[in-house]
């Protein structure tokens, strides 16, 4: 069964940038799947950050609009999240969520910590 693995998290200062990736563990036709990025901060519920559908249309949470960009590379079976102008409130574990046609996958999560 295919797995999706996140990478790119880390520690960054406020105002900095990070780029997260979510890659399929083996060749998979991700072009038929919608990709989401979620995050969960300590003591808070998991929240939807951004979505990209199969046509490449994107939506964002109000808190990330204008700072985060979600993208997909179907040839490389990868979803990405470019995060700019990071704030301390962006500190969380970030998860990719890939779904469609009755399939659903979650990544293991990657920690993003923004220091003020």
N, C-alpha and C. Protein backbone atom coordinates (compact mmCIF):
# COMPACT_ATOMS: atom_id res chain seq x y z
N UNK A 1 0.84 -1.19 0.00
CA UNK A 1 0.00 0.00 0.00
C UNK A 1 0.88 1.24 0.00
N UNK A 2 0.48 2.25 -0.72
CA UNK A 2 1.28 3.47 -0.80
C UNK A 2 1.20 4.23 0.50
N UNK A 3 2.29 4.86 0.87
CA UNK A 3 2.33 5.76 2.02
C UNK A 3 2.78 7.13 1.55
N UNK A 4 2.41 8.14 2.33
CA UNK A 4 2.84 9.50 2.04
C UNK A 4 3.70 9.99 3.20
N UNK A 5 4.87 10.50 2.88
CA UNK A 5 5.86 10.87 3.88
C UNK A 5 6.16 12.36 3.77
N UNK A 6 5.99 13.07 4.90
CA UNK A 6 6.29 14.49 4.92
C UNK A 6 7.76 14.71 5.25
N UNK A 7 8.27 15.83 4.77
CA UNK A 7 9.62 16.27 5.11
C UNK A 7 9.68 17.78 5.02
N UNK A 8 10.74 18.35 5.58
CA UNK A 8 10.96 19.79 5.45
C UNK A 8 10.66 20.61 6.68
N UNK A 9 10.15 19.98 7.73
CA UNK A 9 9.90 20.73 8.95
C UNK A 9 11.18 21.11 9.65
N UNK A 10 11.05 21.93 10.67
CA UNK A 10 12.24 22.34 11.42
C UNK A 10 11.97 23.56 12.26
N UNK A 11 13.05 24.17 12.69
CA UNK A 11 13.00 25.36 13.54
C UNK A 11 13.37 26.58 12.69
N UNK A 12 12.55 27.61 12.78
CA UNK A 12 12.81 28.82 12.00
C UNK A 12 12.42 30.03 12.84
N UNK A 13 13.06 31.13 12.59
CA UNK A 13 12.72 32.36 13.31
C UNK A 13 11.46 32.99 12.70
N UNK A 14 10.80 33.76 13.51
CA UNK A 14 9.62 34.49 13.05
C UNK A 14 9.98 35.33 11.83
N UNK A 15 9.12 35.26 10.81
CA UNK A 15 9.39 35.96 9.57
C UNK A 15 10.10 35.13 8.52
N UNK A 16 10.57 33.95 8.94
CA UNK A 16 11.30 33.08 8.04
C UNK A 16 10.38 32.22 7.19
N UNK A 17 10.99 31.32 6.43
CA UNK A 17 10.25 30.46 5.50
C UNK A 17 10.66 29.00 5.65
N UNK A 18 9.73 28.13 5.34
CA UNK A 18 10.00 26.69 5.26
C UNK A 18 9.18 26.13 4.10
N UNK A 19 9.68 25.04 3.54
CA UNK A 19 8.96 24.36 2.48
C UNK A 19 8.77 22.91 2.88
N UNK A 20 7.52 22.48 2.96
CA UNK A 20 7.20 21.10 3.32
C UNK A 20 6.89 20.30 2.06
N UNK A 21 7.25 19.03 2.09
CA UNK A 21 6.93 18.13 0.99
C UNK A 21 6.20 16.91 1.52
N UNK A 22 5.35 16.35 0.68
CA UNK A 22 4.62 15.14 1.01
C UNK A 22 4.74 14.24 -0.21
N UNK A 23 5.54 13.19 -0.09
CA UNK A 23 5.86 12.36 -1.24
C UNK A 23 5.31 10.95 -1.09
N UNK A 24 4.80 10.40 -2.18
CA UNK A 24 4.33 9.03 -2.17
C UNK A 24 5.51 8.07 -2.06
N UNK A 25 5.32 7.00 -1.31
CA UNK A 25 6.41 6.05 -1.06
C UNK A 25 6.75 5.22 -2.29
N UNK A 26 5.86 5.16 -3.22
CA UNK A 26 6.12 4.48 -4.47
C UNK A 26 5.32 5.17 -5.55
N UNK A 27 5.58 4.82 -6.75
CA UNK A 27 4.89 5.47 -7.85
C UNK A 27 3.38 5.31 -7.70
N UNK A 28 2.71 6.42 -7.75
CA UNK A 28 1.27 6.41 -7.54
C UNK A 28 0.65 7.51 -8.37
N UNK A 29 -0.53 7.28 -8.85
CA UNK A 29 -1.16 8.29 -9.69
C UNK A 29 -1.83 9.34 -8.82
N UNK A 30 -1.04 10.23 -8.23
CA UNK A 30 -1.63 11.21 -7.33
C UNK A 30 -2.46 12.23 -8.07
N UNK A 31 -2.38 12.24 -9.41
CA UNK A 31 -3.17 13.21 -10.17
C UNK A 31 -4.66 13.05 -9.93
N UNK A 32 -5.08 11.88 -9.46
CA UNK A 32 -6.51 11.65 -9.22
C UNK A 32 -6.91 11.99 -7.78
N UNK A 33 -5.94 12.43 -6.97
CA UNK A 33 -6.20 12.69 -5.57
C UNK A 33 -6.18 14.18 -5.25
N UNK A 34 -7.00 14.56 -4.28
CA UNK A 34 -6.93 15.88 -3.67
C UNK A 34 -5.91 15.83 -2.52
N UNK A 35 -5.16 16.88 -2.36
CA UNK A 35 -4.17 16.95 -1.28
C UNK A 35 -4.47 18.09 -0.33
N UNK A 36 -4.41 17.80 0.95
CA UNK A 36 -4.60 18.81 1.99
C UNK A 36 -3.36 18.85 2.87
N UNK A 37 -3.15 19.99 3.47
CA UNK A 37 -2.22 20.10 4.59
C UNK A 37 -3.03 20.51 5.82
N UNK A 38 -2.85 19.77 6.90
CA UNK A 38 -3.44 20.08 8.19
C UNK A 38 -2.31 20.40 9.17
N UNK A 39 -2.67 21.01 10.27
CA UNK A 39 -1.71 21.20 11.35
C UNK A 39 -2.41 21.05 12.68
N UNK A 40 -1.62 20.67 13.67
CA UNK A 40 -2.15 20.52 15.02
C UNK A 40 -1.13 21.06 16.01
N UNK A 41 -1.55 22.11 16.70
CA UNK A 41 -0.70 22.71 17.73
C UNK A 41 -1.02 22.05 19.07
N UNK A 42 -0.11 22.09 20.03
CA UNK A 42 -0.35 21.46 21.33
C UNK A 42 -1.63 21.98 21.98
N UNK A 43 -2.48 21.05 22.40
CA UNK A 43 -3.70 21.43 23.08
C UNK A 43 -4.81 21.94 22.18
N UNK A 44 -4.58 21.88 20.87
CA UNK A 44 -5.59 22.39 19.94
C UNK A 44 -6.04 21.29 18.98
N UNK A 45 -7.18 21.51 18.35
CA UNK A 45 -7.67 20.55 17.38
C UNK A 45 -6.90 20.69 16.07
N UNK A 46 -6.89 19.60 15.34
CA UNK A 46 -6.25 19.63 14.02
C UNK A 46 -7.08 20.54 13.11
N UNK A 47 -6.38 21.41 12.38
CA UNK A 47 -7.08 22.34 11.52
C UNK A 47 -6.58 22.24 10.08
N UNK A 48 -7.48 22.49 9.15
CA UNK A 48 -7.15 22.46 7.73
C UNK A 48 -6.42 23.75 7.36
N UNK A 49 -5.28 23.61 6.72
CA UNK A 49 -4.45 24.77 6.37
C UNK A 49 -4.64 25.15 4.90
N UNK A 50 -4.61 24.15 4.03
CA UNK A 50 -4.69 24.41 2.58
C UNK A 50 -5.10 23.14 1.86
N UNK A 51 -5.72 23.33 0.71
CA UNK A 51 -6.20 22.23 -0.13
C UNK A 51 -5.88 22.51 -1.58
N UNK A 52 -5.50 21.47 -2.32
CA UNK A 52 -5.36 21.57 -3.77
C UNK A 52 -6.09 20.39 -4.39
N UNK A 53 -7.00 20.69 -5.30
CA UNK A 53 -7.78 19.60 -5.89
C UNK A 53 -7.10 19.07 -7.15
N UNK A 54 -7.78 18.15 -7.82
CA UNK A 54 -7.16 17.48 -8.96
C UNK A 54 -6.92 18.42 -10.14
N UNK A 55 -7.64 19.54 -10.17
CA UNK A 55 -7.45 20.50 -11.27
C UNK A 55 -6.41 21.55 -10.91
N UNK A 56 -5.93 21.52 -9.68
CA UNK A 56 -4.96 22.51 -9.24
C UNK A 56 -5.58 23.71 -8.56
N UNK A 57 -6.88 23.69 -8.34
CA UNK A 57 -7.53 24.78 -7.62
C UNK A 57 -7.18 24.68 -6.14
N UNK A 58 -6.96 25.84 -5.53
CA UNK A 58 -6.48 25.87 -4.15
C UNK A 58 -7.40 26.68 -3.24
N UNK A 59 -7.44 26.30 -1.98
CA UNK A 59 -8.13 27.06 -0.95
C UNK A 59 -7.24 27.08 0.29
N UNK A 60 -7.41 28.13 1.09
CA UNK A 60 -6.56 28.33 2.25
C UNK A 60 -7.38 28.75 3.47
N UNK A 61 -6.87 28.41 4.64
CA UNK A 61 -7.42 28.96 5.86
C UNK A 61 -7.13 30.45 5.89
N UNK A 62 -8.02 31.21 6.49
CA UNK A 62 -7.82 32.66 6.55
C UNK A 62 -6.49 33.03 7.19
N UNK A 63 -6.07 32.24 8.17
CA UNK A 63 -4.85 32.57 8.90
C UNK A 63 -3.58 32.38 8.07
N UNK A 64 -3.68 31.65 6.95
CA UNK A 64 -2.50 31.38 6.14
C UNK A 64 -2.57 32.01 4.75
N UNK A 65 -3.70 32.56 4.42
CA UNK A 65 -3.88 33.14 3.09
C UNK A 65 -2.87 34.26 2.85
N UNK A 66 -2.22 34.20 1.70
CA UNK A 66 -1.23 35.22 1.36
C UNK A 66 0.17 34.90 1.86
N UNK A 67 0.29 33.93 2.76
CA UNK A 67 1.62 33.54 3.28
C UNK A 67 2.01 32.13 2.86
N UNK A 68 1.03 31.25 2.74
CA UNK A 68 1.29 29.85 2.39
C UNK A 68 0.84 29.58 0.95
N UNK A 69 1.56 28.69 0.29
CA UNK A 69 1.20 28.27 -1.06
C UNK A 69 1.27 26.75 -1.16
N UNK A 70 0.16 26.16 -1.54
CA UNK A 70 0.13 24.71 -1.74
C UNK A 70 0.28 24.42 -3.23
N UNK A 71 1.01 23.36 -3.54
CA UNK A 71 1.20 23.00 -4.94
C UNK A 71 1.30 21.48 -5.06
N UNK A 72 1.28 21.03 -6.29
CA UNK A 72 1.40 19.59 -6.53
C UNK A 72 2.28 19.34 -7.74
N UNK A 73 3.01 18.25 -7.72
CA UNK A 73 3.82 17.83 -8.86
C UNK A 73 3.43 16.38 -9.14
N UNK A 74 2.52 16.22 -10.07
CA UNK A 74 2.00 14.87 -10.33
C UNK A 74 3.07 13.93 -10.88
N UNK A 75 4.03 14.47 -11.61
CA UNK A 75 5.09 13.61 -12.16
C UNK A 75 6.00 13.08 -11.06
N UNK A 76 6.19 13.88 -10.00
CA UNK A 76 7.04 13.46 -8.89
C UNK A 76 6.23 12.91 -7.72
N UNK A 77 4.91 12.79 -7.92
CA UNK A 77 4.03 12.23 -6.88
C UNK A 77 4.20 12.96 -5.54
N UNK A 78 4.22 14.28 -5.60
CA UNK A 78 4.53 15.08 -4.42
C UNK A 78 3.58 16.26 -4.30
N UNK A 79 3.16 16.52 -3.05
CA UNK A 79 2.47 17.75 -2.70
C UNK A 79 3.44 18.60 -1.89
N UNK A 80 3.33 19.90 -2.01
CA UNK A 80 4.22 20.80 -1.29
C UNK A 80 3.43 21.91 -0.60
N UNK A 81 4.03 22.46 0.44
CA UNK A 81 3.48 23.62 1.12
C UNK A 81 4.62 24.59 1.37
N UNK A 82 4.61 25.70 0.65
CA UNK A 82 5.59 26.77 0.86
C UNK A 82 5.03 27.72 1.90
N UNK A 83 5.77 27.94 2.96
CA UNK A 83 5.30 28.77 4.07
C UNK A 83 6.25 29.95 4.23
N UNK A 84 5.74 31.15 4.05
CA UNK A 84 6.53 32.37 4.17
C UNK A 84 6.00 33.22 5.31
N UNK A 85 6.85 34.13 5.76
CA UNK A 85 6.46 35.07 6.81
C UNK A 85 5.86 34.32 8.00
N UNK A 86 6.56 33.31 8.45
CA UNK A 86 6.05 32.46 9.53
C UNK A 86 5.94 33.22 10.83
N UNK A 87 4.91 32.84 11.60
CA UNK A 87 4.63 33.46 12.89
C UNK A 87 4.65 32.38 13.97
N UNK A 88 4.75 32.79 15.21
CA UNK A 88 4.79 31.82 16.31
C UNK A 88 3.53 30.96 16.34
N UNK A 89 2.39 31.53 15.92
CA UNK A 89 1.14 30.77 15.90
C UNK A 89 1.13 29.68 14.84
N UNK A 90 2.11 29.67 13.96
CA UNK A 90 2.21 28.60 12.96
C UNK A 90 2.89 27.35 13.52
N UNK A 91 3.42 27.46 14.73
CA UNK A 91 4.06 26.30 15.35
C UNK A 91 3.07 25.17 15.53
N UNK A 92 3.39 24.01 14.97
CA UNK A 92 2.47 22.87 15.01
C UNK A 92 3.13 21.68 14.33
N UNK A 93 2.49 20.53 14.46
CA UNK A 93 2.85 19.38 13.62
C UNK A 93 1.99 19.47 12.37
N UNK A 94 2.63 19.39 11.22
CA UNK A 94 1.93 19.52 9.94
C UNK A 94 1.78 18.13 9.30
N UNK A 95 0.57 17.86 8.83
CA UNK A 95 0.25 16.56 8.25
C UNK A 95 -0.26 16.74 6.82
N UNK A 96 0.15 15.88 5.93
CA UNK A 96 -0.50 15.86 4.62
C UNK A 96 -1.61 14.81 4.64
N UNK A 97 -2.64 15.10 3.90
CA UNK A 97 -3.83 14.25 3.81
C UNK A 97 -4.17 14.15 2.33
N UNK A 98 -4.17 12.93 1.83
CA UNK A 98 -4.38 12.70 0.41
C UNK A 98 -5.59 11.79 0.26
N UNK A 99 -6.52 12.18 -0.61
CA UNK A 99 -7.76 11.40 -0.68
C UNK A 99 -8.43 11.52 -2.04
N UNK A 100 -9.29 10.52 -2.30
CA UNK A 100 -10.07 10.51 -3.52
C UNK A 100 -10.40 9.08 -3.93
N UNK A 101 -11.49 8.89 -4.62
CA UNK A 101 -11.91 7.59 -5.15
C UNK A 101 -11.95 6.51 -4.06
N UNK A 102 -12.38 6.89 -2.87
CA UNK A 102 -12.49 5.96 -1.77
C UNK A 102 -11.20 5.69 -1.04
N UNK A 103 -10.10 6.26 -1.49
CA UNK A 103 -8.81 6.12 -0.81
C UNK A 103 -8.57 7.31 0.09
N UNK A 104 -7.84 7.08 1.18
CA UNK A 104 -7.49 8.16 2.09
C UNK A 104 -6.17 7.81 2.77
N UNK A 105 -5.27 8.76 2.78
CA UNK A 105 -3.96 8.55 3.38
C UNK A 105 -3.58 9.76 4.23
N UNK A 106 -2.93 9.49 5.35
CA UNK A 106 -2.35 10.53 6.21
C UNK A 106 -0.86 10.29 6.32
N UNK A 107 -0.11 11.35 6.29
CA UNK A 107 1.31 11.25 6.58
C UNK A 107 1.53 11.18 8.08
N UNK A 108 2.79 10.97 8.47
CA UNK A 108 3.12 10.80 9.88
C UNK A 108 3.30 12.14 10.60
N UNK A 109 3.41 13.20 9.84
CA UNK A 109 3.55 14.53 10.43
C UNK A 109 4.99 15.00 10.48
N UNK A 110 5.15 16.30 10.39
CA UNK A 110 6.47 16.92 10.51
C UNK A 110 6.34 18.17 11.38
N UNK A 111 7.26 18.34 12.31
CA UNK A 111 7.18 19.43 13.28
C UNK A 111 7.71 20.72 12.67
N UNK A 112 6.94 21.78 12.84
CA UNK A 112 7.37 23.13 12.47
C UNK A 112 7.34 23.97 13.74
N UNK A 113 8.47 24.56 14.06
CA UNK A 113 8.56 25.41 15.25
C UNK A 113 9.07 26.78 14.84
N UNK A 114 8.30 27.81 15.19
CA UNK A 114 8.66 29.19 14.85
C UNK A 114 9.01 29.91 16.14
N UNK A 115 10.23 30.38 16.22
CA UNK A 115 10.67 31.09 17.42
C UNK A 115 10.50 32.59 17.22
N UNK A 116 10.07 33.24 18.28
CA UNK A 116 9.84 34.70 18.17
C UNK A 116 11.06 35.48 18.58
